[in-house]
Amino acid sequence: MIESVLVIQKLIERYDYGGAHEILKEKGMEKTDTAILINSCRYSKNFDFFTARKYLRQLTKDGAQHKTCKALSTNLEALINGDPDALLSELLENLKFQIVNEEYIDFLGRVNRFKEAIYKYMFIKSQLPDRQFTFQMRFLQKKEILKILRNHYKIFNNNLIYALNSYFKKYDQRGETVEPIIKLMNSEKMNQLIDLRNDSLIGHGFSGVSEEEIQRIYGNPYNVLDDFRACLETLGIAIQRYKYANINETIMVFLANDSKKIFIKDHNGSSHYE
């Protein structure tokens, strides 16, 4: 089991919760708190927060009372409700996953998604400043935003980013807040990253993406995370950092406890821990 513990530790360090869960299943430990927490993370990582919550609710009473699991339960509710602090923090974490695992095409896809999310957030906040924002609002749909831009501001570009750039340039009065973000999002280095994404498999082409190409354009890929984090802070978003790092520490605590149990088979061939 010691070897399996080391493998699981390596896997969760790379946020490979699916691989870690498979090892626990092979060991007959799929009903332990360790496996349940890992399985919850497996779905949360893919933005399936409803399934993540379902599995988290299967923890034992002791597991559910652990401070990390209680915090995760609260976080999942916020994610399901479209809370901007929770969702944008989650998207930042997801960007980090792609860097750690050197999945640079998916990384660029998240960069493009983040840019769009920031633009939508800034626009809806400008239109409905007194309304509580949630990413579940129907106004976040592309067609709804383009309709507002056409009907109220006579902006007819069907490219969402270009249309919103026109709006922010002509009509938005929050210069000190919005201008540095718009400047970054339209910077040459950011546009070059988006061009890489567009030429890749998740865009319109078949080009691969290497770390060297990203470094040539933007420097260390983690610089992108730093810049996005600065944008969120400017907008007053409360960023939750190290969510999965904290969860991973708890997983290893749970695993240390679970791995002390001796797996046996009774005379009927059924299995249990003692």
Protein backbone atom coordinates (compact mmCIF):
# COMPACT_ATOMS: atom_id res chain seq x y z
CA MET A 1 0.00 0.00 0.00
CA ILE A 2 2.94 2.33 0.64
CA GLU A 3 3.78 2.34 -3.06
CA SER A 4 0.16 3.10 -3.95
CA VAL A 5 0.12 6.01 -1.49
CA LEU A 6 3.15 7.52 -3.22
CA VAL A 7 1.56 7.08 -6.64
CA ILE A 8 -1.69 8.69 -5.45
CA GLN A 9 0.28 11.60 -4.03
CA LYS A 10 2.03 12.13 -7.37
CA LEU A 11 -1.26 11.93 -9.25
CA ILE A 12 -3.11 14.46 -7.12
CA GLU A 13 -0.13 16.80 -7.27
CA ARG A 14 -0.88 16.89 -11.01
CA TYR A 15 -4.62 17.11 -10.28
CA ASP A 16 -5.22 13.71 -11.88
CA TYR A 17 -8.08 12.78 -9.59
CA GLY A 18 -9.46 10.23 -12.03
CA GLY A 19 -6.20 8.27 -12.01
CA ALA A 20 -5.98 8.43 -8.21
CA HIS A 21 -9.57 7.20 -7.88
CA GLU A 22 -8.85 4.22 -10.16
CA ILE A 23 -6.01 3.10 -7.89
CA LEU A 24 -8.26 3.26 -4.84
CA LYS A 25 -10.90 1.23 -6.68
CA GLU A 26 -8.29 -1.41 -7.50
CA LYS A 27 -7.48 -1.59 -3.79
CA GLY A 28 -11.15 -1.93 -2.87
CA MET A 29 -11.12 1.46 -1.16
CA GLU A 30 -13.72 3.23 -3.29
CA LYS A 31 -16.05 3.76 -0.32
CA THR A 32 -13.47 5.46 1.90
CA ASP A 33 -13.51 9.17 2.60
CA THR A 34 -10.28 9.43 0.61
CA ALA A 35 -11.92 8.05 -2.53
CA ILE A 36 -15.10 10.06 -2.04
CA LEU A 37 -13.21 13.34 -1.72
CA ILE A 38 -11.03 12.50 -4.72
CA ASN A 39 -14.11 11.58 -6.76
CA SER A 40 -15.75 14.88 -5.86
CA CYS A 41 -12.67 16.72 -7.09
CA ARG A 42 -12.67 14.67 -10.29
CA TYR A 43 -16.04 16.12 -11.23
CA SER A 44 -15.46 19.59 -9.83
CA LYS A 45 -12.31 19.89 -11.93
CA ASN A 46 -14.52 19.46 -15.01
CA PHE A 47 -17.06 22.03 -13.77
CA ASP A 48 -19.65 19.34 -13.00
CA PHE A 49 -20.41 20.83 -9.61
CA PHE A 50 -23.72 19.03 -9.12
CA THR A 51 -22.06 15.62 -9.34
CA ALA A 52 -19.17 16.84 -7.21
CA ARG A 53 -21.65 17.86 -4.51
CA LYS A 54 -23.48 14.53 -4.78
CA TYR A 55 -20.30 12.60 -4.05
CA LEU A 56 -19.16 14.95 -1.30
CA ARG A 57 -22.41 14.26 0.53
CA GLN A 58 -21.37 10.59 0.77
CA LEU A 59 -18.58 11.36 3.25
CA THR A 60 -18.77 9.81 6.68
CA LYS A 61 -19.86 12.06 9.52
CA ASP A 62 -16.23 12.56 10.59
CA GLY A 63 -15.11 13.27 7.04
CA ALA A 64 -17.88 15.78 6.44
CA GLN A 65 -16.92 17.66 9.61
CA HIS A 66 -13.33 18.21 8.48
CA LYS A 67 -12.79 21.93 7.94
CA THR A 68 -11.59 21.45 4.35
CA CYS A 69 -14.67 19.40 3.44
CA LYS A 70 -17.00 21.91 5.08
CA ALA A 71 -15.33 24.71 3.13
CA LEU A 72 -15.57 22.67 -0.07
CA SER A 73 -19.28 22.06 0.51
CA THR A 74 -19.87 25.80 0.84
CA ASN A 75 -17.74 26.45 -2.23
CA LEU A 76 -19.67 23.96 -4.35
CA GLU A 77 -22.95 25.64 -3.43
CA ALA A 78 -21.49 28.98 -4.53
CA LEU A 79 -20.27 27.47 -7.80
CA ILE A 80 -23.66 25.93 -8.52
CA ASN A 81 -25.31 29.30 -7.87
CA GLY A 82 -22.97 31.04 -10.31
CA ASP A 83 -21.19 33.19 -7.72
CA PRO A 84 -18.58 35.24 -9.62
CA ASP A 85 -15.94 35.05 -6.87
CA ALA A 86 -16.19 31.27 -6.80
CA LEU A 87 -16.46 30.67 -10.55
CA LEU A 88 -13.69 33.02 -11.64
CA SER A 89 -11.43 31.62 -8.91
CA GLU A 90 -12.24 28.13 -10.18
CA LEU A 91 -11.38 29.15 -13.73
CA LEU A 92 -8.01 30.44 -12.54
CA GLU A 93 -7.34 27.12 -10.82
CA ASN A 94 -8.33 25.33 -14.01
CA LEU A 95 -5.82 27.39 -15.96
CA LYS A 96 -3.16 26.26 -13.52
CA PHE A 97 -4.10 22.60 -14.07
CA GLN A 98 -3.36 22.96 -17.77
CA ILE A 99 0.05 24.52 -17.10
CA VAL A 100 1.04 21.88 -14.55
CA ASN A 101 0.10 19.10 -16.97
CA GLU A 102 1.58 20.90 -19.99
CA GLU A 103 -1.76 20.80 -21.80
CA TYR A 104 -1.19 24.03 -23.65
CA ILE A 105 -3.97 23.80 -26.23
CA ASP A 106 -6.51 23.43 -23.41
CA PHE A 107 -4.68 26.20 -21.55
CA LEU A 108 -5.25 28.59 -24.46
CA GLY A 109 -8.88 27.54 -24.57
CA ARG A 110 -9.23 28.55 -20.93
CA VAL A 111 -7.45 31.86 -21.66
CA ASN A 112 -10.04 32.64 -24.33
CA ARG A 113 -12.86 31.59 -22.00
CA PHE A 114 -11.50 33.75 -19.20
CA LYS A 115 -11.28 36.81 -21.46
CA GLU A 116 -14.89 36.34 -22.52
CA ALA A 117 -16.03 35.84 -18.91
CA ILE A 118 -14.29 39.05 -17.78
CA TYR A 119 -15.87 41.05 -20.59
CA LYS A 120 -19.34 39.70 -19.82
CA TYR A 121 -18.93 40.38 -16.12
CA MET A 122 -17.83 43.99 -16.68
CA PHE A 123 -20.65 44.65 -19.15
CA ILE A 124 -23.49 43.23 -17.04
CA LYS A 125 -22.18 45.02 -13.95
CA SER A 126 -22.26 48.28 -15.92
CA GLN A 127 -25.85 47.63 -17.02
CA LEU A 128 -27.19 46.32 -13.73
CA PRO A 129 -24.97 47.88 -11.05
CA ASP A 130 -27.48 47.41 -8.24
CA ARG A 131 -28.42 43.84 -9.04
CA GLN A 132 -26.64 40.87 -7.49
CA PHE A 133 -24.53 39.30 -10.20
CA THR A 134 -24.53 35.59 -10.96
CA PHE A 135 -23.20 33.67 -13.91
CA GLN A 136 -26.63 32.02 -14.09
CA MET A 137 -28.24 35.26 -15.30
CA ARG A 138 -29.84 35.02 -18.74
CA PHE A 139 -28.22 38.35 -19.58
CA LEU A 140 -24.88 36.50 -19.77
CA GLN A 141 -25.95 34.74 -22.95
CA LYS A 142 -24.21 36.05 -26.05
CA LYS A 143 -27.47 36.72 -27.87
CA GLU A 144 -28.82 38.76 -24.93
CA ILE A 145 -25.70 40.93 -24.74
CA LEU A 146 -25.65 41.51 -28.51
CA LYS A 147 -29.34 42.46 -28.35
CA ILE A 148 -28.65 45.09 -25.68
CA LEU A 149 -25.73 46.44 -27.68
CA ARG A 150 -27.84 46.70 -30.84
CA ASN A 151 -30.97 48.15 -29.28
CA HIS A 152 -29.46 50.57 -26.78
CA TYR A 153 -26.04 51.48 -28.17
CA LYS A 154 -26.36 50.89 -31.94
CA ILE A 155 -23.41 48.52 -31.94
CA PHE A 156 -24.05 45.88 -34.59
CA ASN A 157 -20.88 43.78 -34.61
CA ASN A 158 -21.75 40.11 -34.05
CA ASN A 159 -18.30 39.35 -32.67
CA LEU A 160 -18.93 39.60 -28.93
CA ILE A 161 -15.46 40.78 -27.93
CA TYR A 162 -15.25 43.40 -30.69
CA ALA A 163 -18.75 44.62 -29.88
CA LEU A 164 -17.98 44.93 -26.17
CA ASN A 165 -14.70 46.71 -26.93
CA SER A 166 -16.72 49.31 -28.82
CA TYR A 167 -19.10 49.68 -25.89
CA PHE A 168 -16.35 50.11 -23.30
CA LYS A 169 -14.55 52.65 -25.49
CA LYS A 170 -17.60 54.79 -26.18
CA TYR A 171 -19.96 54.43 -23.24
CA ASP A 172 -18.42 53.00 -20.09
CA GLN A 173 -17.60 55.63 -17.47
CA ARG A 174 -15.55 53.43 -15.12
CA GLY A 175 -12.27 54.36 -16.74
CA GLU A 176 -9.91 53.75 -13.84
CA THR A 177 -11.33 50.28 -13.31
CA VAL A 178 -12.02 49.10 -16.83
CA GLU A 179 -9.27 50.71 -18.93
CA PRO A 180 -6.28 48.73 -17.59
CA ILE A 181 -8.21 45.49 -18.01
CA ILE A 182 -9.26 46.34 -21.57
CA LYS A 183 -5.67 47.35 -22.33
CA LEU A 184 -4.36 43.99 -21.14
CA MET A 185 -7.06 41.99 -22.92
CA ASN A 186 -6.28 43.80 -26.19
CA SER A 187 -2.52 43.77 -25.78
CA GLU A 188 -0.39 42.32 -28.55
CA LYS A 189 0.76 39.44 -26.37
CA MET A 190 -2.80 38.50 -25.42
CA ASN A 191 -3.96 38.69 -29.03
CA GLN A 192 -1.08 36.47 -30.08
CA LEU A 193 -2.13 33.87 -27.51
CA ILE A 194 -5.68 33.97 -28.86
CA ASP A 195 -4.29 33.58 -32.39
CA LEU A 196 -2.43 30.47 -31.25
CA ARG A 197 -5.67 29.15 -29.84
CA ASN A 198 -7.56 29.89 -33.06
CA ASP A 199 -4.97 28.01 -35.14
CA SER A 200 -5.12 24.97 -32.84
CA LEU A 201 -7.46 21.98 -32.68
CA ILE A 202 -9.94 23.84 -30.46
CA GLY A 203 -10.02 26.74 -32.90
CA HIS A 204 -10.03 26.48 -36.66
CA GLY A 205 -6.85 24.58 -37.46
CA PHE A 206 -4.55 21.72 -36.58
CA SER A 207 -1.49 23.49 -35.19
CA GLY A 208 0.06 22.26 -31.98
CA VAL A 209 1.06 24.53 -29.11
CA SER A 210 4.31 24.28 -27.18
CA GLU A 211 5.49 25.90 -23.97
CA GLU A 212 8.27 27.56 -25.99
CA GLU A 213 5.72 29.35 -28.18
CA ILE A 214 3.85 30.65 -25.15
CA GLN A 215 7.10 31.77 -23.52
CA ARG A 216 8.13 33.56 -26.69
CA ILE A 217 4.89 35.52 -26.68
CA TYR A 218 4.11 35.97 -23.00
CA GLY A 219 7.04 34.72 -20.97
CA ASN A 220 6.36 32.15 -18.25
CA PRO A 221 2.80 30.78 -18.67
CA TYR A 222 2.18 31.58 -15.01
CA ASN A 223 2.47 35.26 -15.99
CA VAL A 224 -0.96 34.86 -17.61
CA LEU A 225 -2.41 33.74 -14.28
CA ASP A 226 -0.78 36.69 -12.52
CA ASP A 227 -2.26 39.14 -15.02
CA PHE A 228 -5.73 37.60 -14.81
CA ARG A 229 -5.53 37.63 -11.03
CA ALA A 230 -4.66 41.34 -11.12
CA CYS A 231 -7.72 41.96 -13.31
CA LEU A 232 -9.98 40.20 -10.85
CA GLU A 233 -8.56 42.13 -7.93
CA THR A 234 -9.17 45.39 -9.82
CA LEU A 235 -12.81 44.35 -10.25
CA GLY A 236 -13.14 43.57 -6.55
CA ILE A 237 -13.40 39.80 -7.05
CA ALA A 238 -12.45 37.85 -3.91
CA ILE A 239 -10.05 35.25 -5.25
CA GLN A 240 -9.82 31.90 -3.55
CA ARG A 241 -6.24 30.72 -4.03
CA TYR A 242 -4.83 27.25 -3.34
CA LYS A 243 -8.25 25.56 -3.18
CA TYR A 244 -7.02 22.27 -4.62
CA ALA A 245 -3.66 22.44 -2.87
CA ASN A 246 -5.53 22.57 0.44
CA ILE A 247 -7.83 19.74 -0.64
CA ASN A 248 -4.81 17.65 -1.65
CA GLU A 249 -3.36 18.03 1.84
CA THR A 250 -6.63 16.78 3.30
CA ILE A 251 -6.72 13.86 0.86
CA MET A 252 -3.30 12.75 2.10
CA VAL A 253 -4.49 13.01 5.72
CA PHE A 254 -7.53 10.88 4.89
CA LEU A 255 -5.37 8.42 2.94
CA ALA A 256 -2.94 8.01 5.83
CA ASN A 257 -5.86 7.03 8.06
CA ASP A 258 -7.52 4.76 5.51
CA SER A 259 -4.29 3.00 4.54
CA LYS A 260 -3.81 1.84 8.13
CA LYS A 261 -6.85 -0.38 7.77
CA ILE A 262 -6.13 -3.97 6.85
CA PHE A 263 -8.04 -5.33 3.90
CA ILE A 264 -9.33 -8.85 4.51
CA LYS A 265 -11.79 -11.26 2.99
CA ASP A 266 -14.17 -13.27 5.06
CA HIS A 267 -15.11 -16.86 4.41
CA ASN A 268 -17.95 -15.78 2.09
CA GLY A 269 -15.55 -13.91 -0.16
CA SER A 270 -16.95 -10.49 0.76
CA SER A 271 -14.57 -7.71 1.68
CA HIS A 272 -14.36 -5.21 4.48
CA TYR A 273 -11.89 -3.19 6.52
CA GLU A 274 -10.91 -3.72 10.10
